[in-house]
Amino acid sequence: MLCVRFLVFCLSMNCIVHLSLSLVQCRICPSRIAVALMYFGVTMHAGNIGGNFYLNFFLNGIVEFPALLFVILTMDRIGRKRLQCLCMVFGGVATICTIFSILFGGDGN
């Protein structure tokens, strides 16, 4: 559905002249949406993690500095596409692994 809306937007903006650019954008758009949803989902639910809300939010912010440094240092070495794929796979595996804290964790009382 989102790709259809994007194609309608491209047609209205005369992007159909460069069809290959439109196809690349249709492939990149779901990736950007997934990254944005993941980032804002973690940020908005910092209070649901448990413990102090402000400490959780602070730790979520501090984690971004080593991640940014990692991206800056590895971008030239392994390339943009491989790095994004690696980071998205790592983020997905880390998100799936959080189910173990729910399954095997206590009640929190």
N, C-alpha and C. Protein backbone atom coordinates (compact mmCIF):
# COMPACT_ATOMS: atom_id res chain seq x y z
N MET A 1 0.82 -1.18 0.00
CA MET A 1 0.00 0.00 0.00
C MET A 1 0.87 1.25 0.00
N LEU A 2 1.93 1.22 0.80
CA LEU A 2 2.80 2.37 0.89
C LEU A 2 3.55 2.59 -0.42
N CYS A 3 3.97 1.50 -1.06
CA CYS A 3 4.67 1.62 -2.35
C CYS A 3 3.74 2.22 -3.41
N VAL A 4 2.47 1.87 -3.34
CA VAL A 4 1.52 2.43 -4.30
C VAL A 4 1.39 3.93 -4.10
N ARG A 5 1.32 4.35 -2.83
CA ARG A 5 1.24 5.79 -2.55
C ARG A 5 2.51 6.50 -3.02
N PHE A 6 3.64 5.85 -2.81
CA PHE A 6 4.90 6.46 -3.23
C PHE A 6 4.96 6.57 -4.76
N LEU A 7 4.48 5.55 -5.46
CA LEU A 7 4.48 5.61 -6.92
C LEU A 7 3.55 6.71 -7.43
N VAL A 8 2.42 6.89 -6.75
CA VAL A 8 1.52 7.98 -7.14
C VAL A 8 2.20 9.33 -6.92
N PHE A 9 2.93 9.44 -5.80
CA PHE A 9 3.67 10.66 -5.54
C PHE A 9 4.73 10.91 -6.61
N CYS A 10 5.44 9.84 -7.00
CA CYS A 10 6.48 9.99 -8.02
C CYS A 10 5.88 10.41 -9.36
N LEU A 11 4.74 9.84 -9.68
CA LEU A 11 4.10 10.23 -10.93
C LEU A 11 3.68 11.70 -10.90
N SER A 12 3.19 12.14 -9.75
CA SER A 12 2.77 13.53 -9.67
C SER A 12 3.96 14.48 -9.66
N MET A 13 5.11 14.02 -9.22
CA MET A 13 6.30 14.87 -9.16
C MET A 13 7.19 14.68 -10.39
N ASN A 14 6.70 13.97 -11.38
CA ASN A 14 7.41 13.77 -12.63
C ASN A 14 8.71 12.99 -12.43
N CYS A 15 8.70 12.05 -11.49
CA CYS A 15 9.87 11.20 -11.27
C CYS A 15 9.88 10.00 -12.21
N ILE A 16 8.82 9.82 -12.96
CA ILE A 16 8.75 8.68 -13.86
C ILE A 16 9.77 8.80 -14.99
N VAL A 17 10.31 10.00 -15.17
CA VAL A 17 11.34 10.18 -16.18
C VAL A 17 12.54 9.31 -15.86
N HIS A 18 12.84 9.18 -14.57
CA HIS A 18 13.95 8.34 -14.13
C HIS A 18 13.35 7.12 -13.43
N LEU A 19 12.96 6.14 -14.20
CA LEU A 19 12.28 4.96 -13.67
C LEU A 19 13.18 4.18 -12.72
N SER A 20 14.47 4.11 -13.01
CA SER A 20 15.37 3.36 -12.13
C SER A 20 15.45 4.03 -10.76
N LEU A 21 15.41 5.35 -10.71
CA LEU A 21 15.43 6.06 -9.43
C LEU A 21 14.16 5.77 -8.64
N SER A 22 13.03 5.71 -9.32
CA SER A 22 11.77 5.39 -8.66
C SER A 22 11.78 3.98 -8.09
N LEU A 23 12.35 3.04 -8.82
CA LEU A 23 12.43 1.66 -8.33
C LEU A 23 13.35 1.55 -7.13
N VAL A 24 14.45 2.27 -7.13
CA VAL A 24 15.36 2.27 -5.98
C VAL A 24 14.65 2.85 -4.76
N GLN A 25 13.89 3.91 -4.94
CA GLN A 25 13.17 4.52 -3.83
C GLN A 25 12.12 3.56 -3.27
N CYS A 26 11.49 2.78 -4.13
CA CYS A 26 10.50 1.81 -3.66
C CYS A 26 11.16 0.71 -2.84
N ARG A 27 12.40 0.40 -3.12
CA ARG A 27 13.11 -0.60 -2.32
C ARG A 27 13.64 -0.02 -1.02
N ILE A 28 14.01 1.25 -1.01
CA ILE A 28 14.58 1.87 0.17
C ILE A 28 13.51 2.30 1.17
N CYS A 29 12.35 2.66 0.69
CA CYS A 29 11.28 3.19 1.54
C CYS A 29 10.89 2.24 2.68
N PRO A 30 10.66 0.95 2.47
CA PRO A 30 10.33 0.08 3.60
C PRO A 30 11.47 -0.04 4.62
N SER A 31 12.70 0.02 4.15
CA SER A 31 13.83 -0.04 5.06
C SER A 31 13.85 1.18 5.98
N ARG A 32 13.63 2.35 5.41
CA ARG A 32 13.62 3.57 6.23
C ARG A 32 12.46 3.57 7.21
N ILE A 33 11.32 3.06 6.80
CA ILE A 33 10.17 3.00 7.70
C ILE A 33 10.46 2.04 8.85
N ALA A 34 11.08 0.90 8.57
CA ALA A 34 11.40 -0.07 9.61
C ALA A 34 12.39 0.51 10.62
N VAL A 35 13.40 1.21 10.14
CA VAL A 35 14.38 1.81 11.03
C VAL A 35 13.73 2.89 11.89
N ALA A 36 12.89 3.71 11.30
CA ALA A 36 12.23 4.78 12.06
C ALA A 36 11.28 4.21 13.11
N LEU A 37 10.52 3.18 12.76
CA LEU A 37 9.62 2.57 13.73
C LEU A 37 10.38 1.93 14.87
N MET A 38 11.49 1.30 14.57
CA MET A 38 12.30 0.67 15.60
C MET A 38 12.88 1.72 16.54
N TYR A 39 13.42 2.78 15.98
CA TYR A 39 14.06 3.82 16.78
C TYR A 39 13.04 4.51 17.68
N PHE A 40 11.93 4.93 17.12
CA PHE A 40 10.94 5.64 17.92
C PHE A 40 10.19 4.71 18.85
N GLY A 41 10.06 3.44 18.49
CA GLY A 41 9.45 2.48 19.40
C GLY A 41 10.27 2.29 20.65
N VAL A 42 11.59 2.18 20.49
CA VAL A 42 12.46 2.03 21.65
C VAL A 42 12.46 3.31 22.48
N THR A 43 12.46 4.45 21.82
CA THR A 43 12.49 5.73 22.54
C THR A 43 11.20 5.97 23.31
N MET A 44 10.07 5.71 22.68
CA MET A 44 8.79 5.99 23.32
C MET A 44 8.48 5.02 24.45
N HIS A 45 9.03 3.83 24.41
CA HIS A 45 8.75 2.84 25.45
C HIS A 45 9.89 2.71 26.45
N ALA A 46 10.67 3.75 26.62
CA ALA A 46 11.76 3.71 27.60
C ALA A 46 11.21 3.58 29.01
N GLY A 47 10.02 4.10 29.27
CA GLY A 47 9.42 3.99 30.59
C GLY A 47 8.88 2.61 30.90
N ASN A 48 8.61 1.82 29.89
CA ASN A 48 8.07 0.48 30.11
C ASN A 48 9.14 -0.57 30.39
N ILE A 49 10.40 -0.18 30.27
CA ILE A 49 11.49 -1.14 30.48
C ILE A 49 11.55 -1.55 31.94
N GLY A 50 11.23 -0.65 32.84
CA GLY A 50 11.33 -0.92 34.27
C GLY A 50 12.47 -0.12 34.85
N GLY A 51 12.34 0.28 36.07
CA GLY A 51 13.37 1.10 36.69
C GLY A 51 13.05 2.57 36.50
N ASN A 52 14.06 3.38 36.64
CA ASN A 52 13.90 4.83 36.54
C ASN A 52 13.73 5.24 35.07
N PHE A 53 12.68 5.99 34.80
CA PHE A 53 12.40 6.42 33.43
C PHE A 53 13.53 7.28 32.88
N TYR A 54 14.02 8.22 33.67
CA TYR A 54 15.04 9.15 33.20
C TYR A 54 16.38 8.44 32.97
N LEU A 55 16.70 7.47 33.82
CA LEU A 55 17.92 6.70 33.62
C LEU A 55 17.82 5.86 32.35
N ASN A 56 16.67 5.24 32.11
CA ASN A 56 16.49 4.45 30.89
C ASN A 56 16.60 5.31 29.64
N PHE A 57 15.99 6.48 29.68
CA PHE A 57 16.06 7.39 28.54
C PHE A 57 17.49 7.87 28.31
N PHE A 58 18.20 8.15 29.41
CA PHE A 58 19.60 8.57 29.31
C PHE A 58 20.47 7.47 28.72
N LEU A 59 20.28 6.24 29.17
CA LEU A 59 21.06 5.11 28.64
C LEU A 59 20.75 4.86 27.17
N ASN A 60 19.49 5.03 26.77
CA ASN A 60 19.15 4.90 25.35
C ASN A 60 19.87 5.95 24.52
N GLY A 61 20.02 7.14 25.06
CA GLY A 61 20.74 8.20 24.35
C GLY A 61 22.24 7.97 24.30
N ILE A 62 22.79 7.47 25.40
CA ILE A 62 24.24 7.23 25.46
C ILE A 62 24.66 6.13 24.49
N VAL A 63 23.80 5.16 24.25
CA VAL A 63 24.11 4.06 23.34
C VAL A 63 24.34 4.57 21.92
N GLU A 64 23.76 5.69 21.58
CA GLU A 64 23.88 6.21 20.22
C GLU A 64 25.30 6.68 19.89
N PHE A 65 26.06 7.14 20.88
CA PHE A 65 27.41 7.63 20.61
C PHE A 65 28.35 6.53 20.12
N PRO A 66 28.46 5.37 20.80
CA PRO A 66 29.31 4.30 20.23
C PRO A 66 28.78 3.79 18.89
N ALA A 67 27.46 3.77 18.72
CA ALA A 67 26.90 3.32 17.45
C ALA A 67 27.30 4.26 16.32
N LEU A 68 27.22 5.56 16.58
CA LEU A 68 27.62 6.54 15.57
C LEU A 68 29.11 6.44 15.26
N LEU A 69 29.92 6.25 16.29
CA LEU A 69 31.36 6.08 16.08
C LEU A 69 31.65 4.82 15.26
N PHE A 70 30.92 3.75 15.56
CA PHE A 70 31.07 2.50 14.80
C PHE A 70 30.75 2.71 13.33
N VAL A 71 29.66 3.43 13.05
CA VAL A 71 29.25 3.67 11.67
C VAL A 71 30.28 4.52 10.94
N ILE A 72 30.79 5.55 11.60
CA ILE A 72 31.77 6.42 10.97
C ILE A 72 33.05 5.66 10.64
N LEU A 73 33.50 4.79 11.53
CA LEU A 73 34.74 4.06 11.32
C LEU A 73 34.61 2.92 10.31
N THR A 74 33.43 2.36 10.18
CA THR A 74 33.29 1.20 9.29
C THR A 74 32.65 1.50 7.94
N MET A 75 32.15 2.70 7.75
CA MET A 75 31.47 3.03 6.49
C MET A 75 32.39 2.87 5.29
N ASP A 76 33.61 3.37 5.39
CA ASP A 76 34.54 3.28 4.26
C ASP A 76 35.10 1.88 4.07
N ARG A 77 35.12 1.10 5.13
CA ARG A 77 35.74 -0.22 5.04
C ARG A 77 34.81 -1.27 4.43
N ILE A 78 33.56 -1.31 4.87
CA ILE A 78 32.69 -2.38 4.37
C ILE A 78 31.58 -1.88 3.46
N GLY A 79 31.40 -0.59 3.36
CA GLY A 79 30.41 -0.04 2.42
C GLY A 79 29.08 0.25 3.08
N ARG A 80 28.34 1.12 2.45
CA ARG A 80 27.07 1.59 2.99
C ARG A 80 26.01 0.49 3.01
N LYS A 81 25.88 -0.25 1.92
CA LYS A 81 24.82 -1.26 1.84
C LYS A 81 25.06 -2.41 2.80
N ARG A 82 26.27 -2.90 2.84
CA ARG A 82 26.58 -4.00 3.76
C ARG A 82 26.44 -3.57 5.21
N LEU A 83 26.88 -2.35 5.50
CA LEU A 83 26.79 -1.85 6.87
C LEU A 83 25.33 -1.70 7.31
N GLN A 84 24.49 -1.19 6.43
CA GLN A 84 23.08 -1.05 6.80
C GLN A 84 22.44 -2.42 6.98
N CYS A 85 22.77 -3.35 6.12
CA CYS A 85 22.22 -4.70 6.24
C CYS A 85 22.69 -5.35 7.55
N LEU A 86 23.96 -5.18 7.87
CA LEU A 86 24.51 -5.74 9.10
C LEU A 86 23.84 -5.13 10.33
N CYS A 87 23.68 -3.82 10.33
CA CYS A 87 23.05 -3.15 11.48
C CYS A 87 21.58 -3.53 11.61
N MET A 88 20.88 -3.67 10.50
CA MET A 88 19.47 -4.04 10.58
C MET A 88 19.30 -5.48 11.05
N VAL A 89 20.17 -6.38 10.60
CA VAL A 89 20.10 -7.77 11.06
C VAL A 89 20.43 -7.84 12.55
N PHE A 90 21.46 -7.11 12.98
CA PHE A 90 21.83 -7.09 14.39
C PHE A 90 20.70 -6.52 15.25
N GLY A 91 20.08 -5.45 14.81
CA GLY A 91 18.96 -4.86 15.54
C GLY A 91 17.77 -5.80 15.60
N GLY A 92 17.49 -6.49 14.50
CA GLY A 92 16.39 -7.44 14.48
C GLY A 92 16.62 -8.62 15.41
N VAL A 93 17.84 -9.15 15.41
CA VAL A 93 18.17 -10.27 16.30
C VAL A 93 18.10 -9.81 17.76
N ALA A 94 18.60 -8.62 18.04
CA ALA A 94 18.54 -8.09 19.41
C ALA A 94 17.10 -7.89 19.85
N THR A 95 16.25 -7.43 18.95
CA THR A 95 14.85 -7.23 19.30
C THR A 95 14.15 -8.56 19.54
N ILE A 96 14.45 -9.55 18.72
CA ILE A 96 13.86 -10.87 18.91
C ILE A 96 14.35 -11.51 20.20
N CYS A 97 15.60 -11.25 20.57
CA CYS A 97 16.15 -11.82 21.81
C CYS A 97 15.51 -11.23 23.06
N THR A 98 14.86 -10.09 22.94
CA THR A 98 14.20 -9.53 24.12
C THR A 98 13.01 -10.37 24.57
N ILE A 99 12.53 -11.25 23.72
CA ILE A 99 11.43 -12.12 24.12
C ILE A 99 11.85 -13.05 25.25
N PHE A 100 13.15 -13.36 25.35
CA PHE A 100 13.62 -14.25 26.41
C PHE A 100 13.50 -13.61 27.78
N SER A 101 13.65 -12.29 27.84
CA SER A 101 13.47 -11.63 29.13
C SER A 101 12.01 -11.67 29.57
N ILE A 102 11.12 -11.72 28.63
CA ILE A 102 9.69 -11.80 28.97
C ILE A 102 9.33 -13.25 29.35
N LEU A 103 9.86 -14.20 28.60
CA LEU A 103 9.52 -15.60 28.85
C LEU A 103 10.13 -16.12 30.14
N PHE A 104 11.39 -15.80 30.38
CA PHE A 104 12.10 -16.38 31.51
C PHE A 104 12.30 -15.41 32.66
N GLY A 105 11.85 -14.17 32.53
CA GLY A 105 11.97 -13.21 33.61
C GLY A 105 10.89 -13.40 34.65
N GLY A 106 11.08 -12.73 35.75
CA GLY A 106 10.10 -12.82 36.82
C GLY A 106 8.90 -11.94 36.56
N ASP A 107 8.02 -11.91 37.53
CA ASP A 107 6.83 -11.08 37.42
C ASP A 107 7.13 -9.61 37.64
N GLY A 108 8.27 -9.30 38.21
CA GLY A 108 8.63 -7.91 38.45
C GLY A 108 8.10 -7.39 39.76
N ASN A 109 7.53 -8.24 40.58
CA ASN A 109 7.00 -7.81 41.88
C ASN A 109 8.00 -8.03 42.97
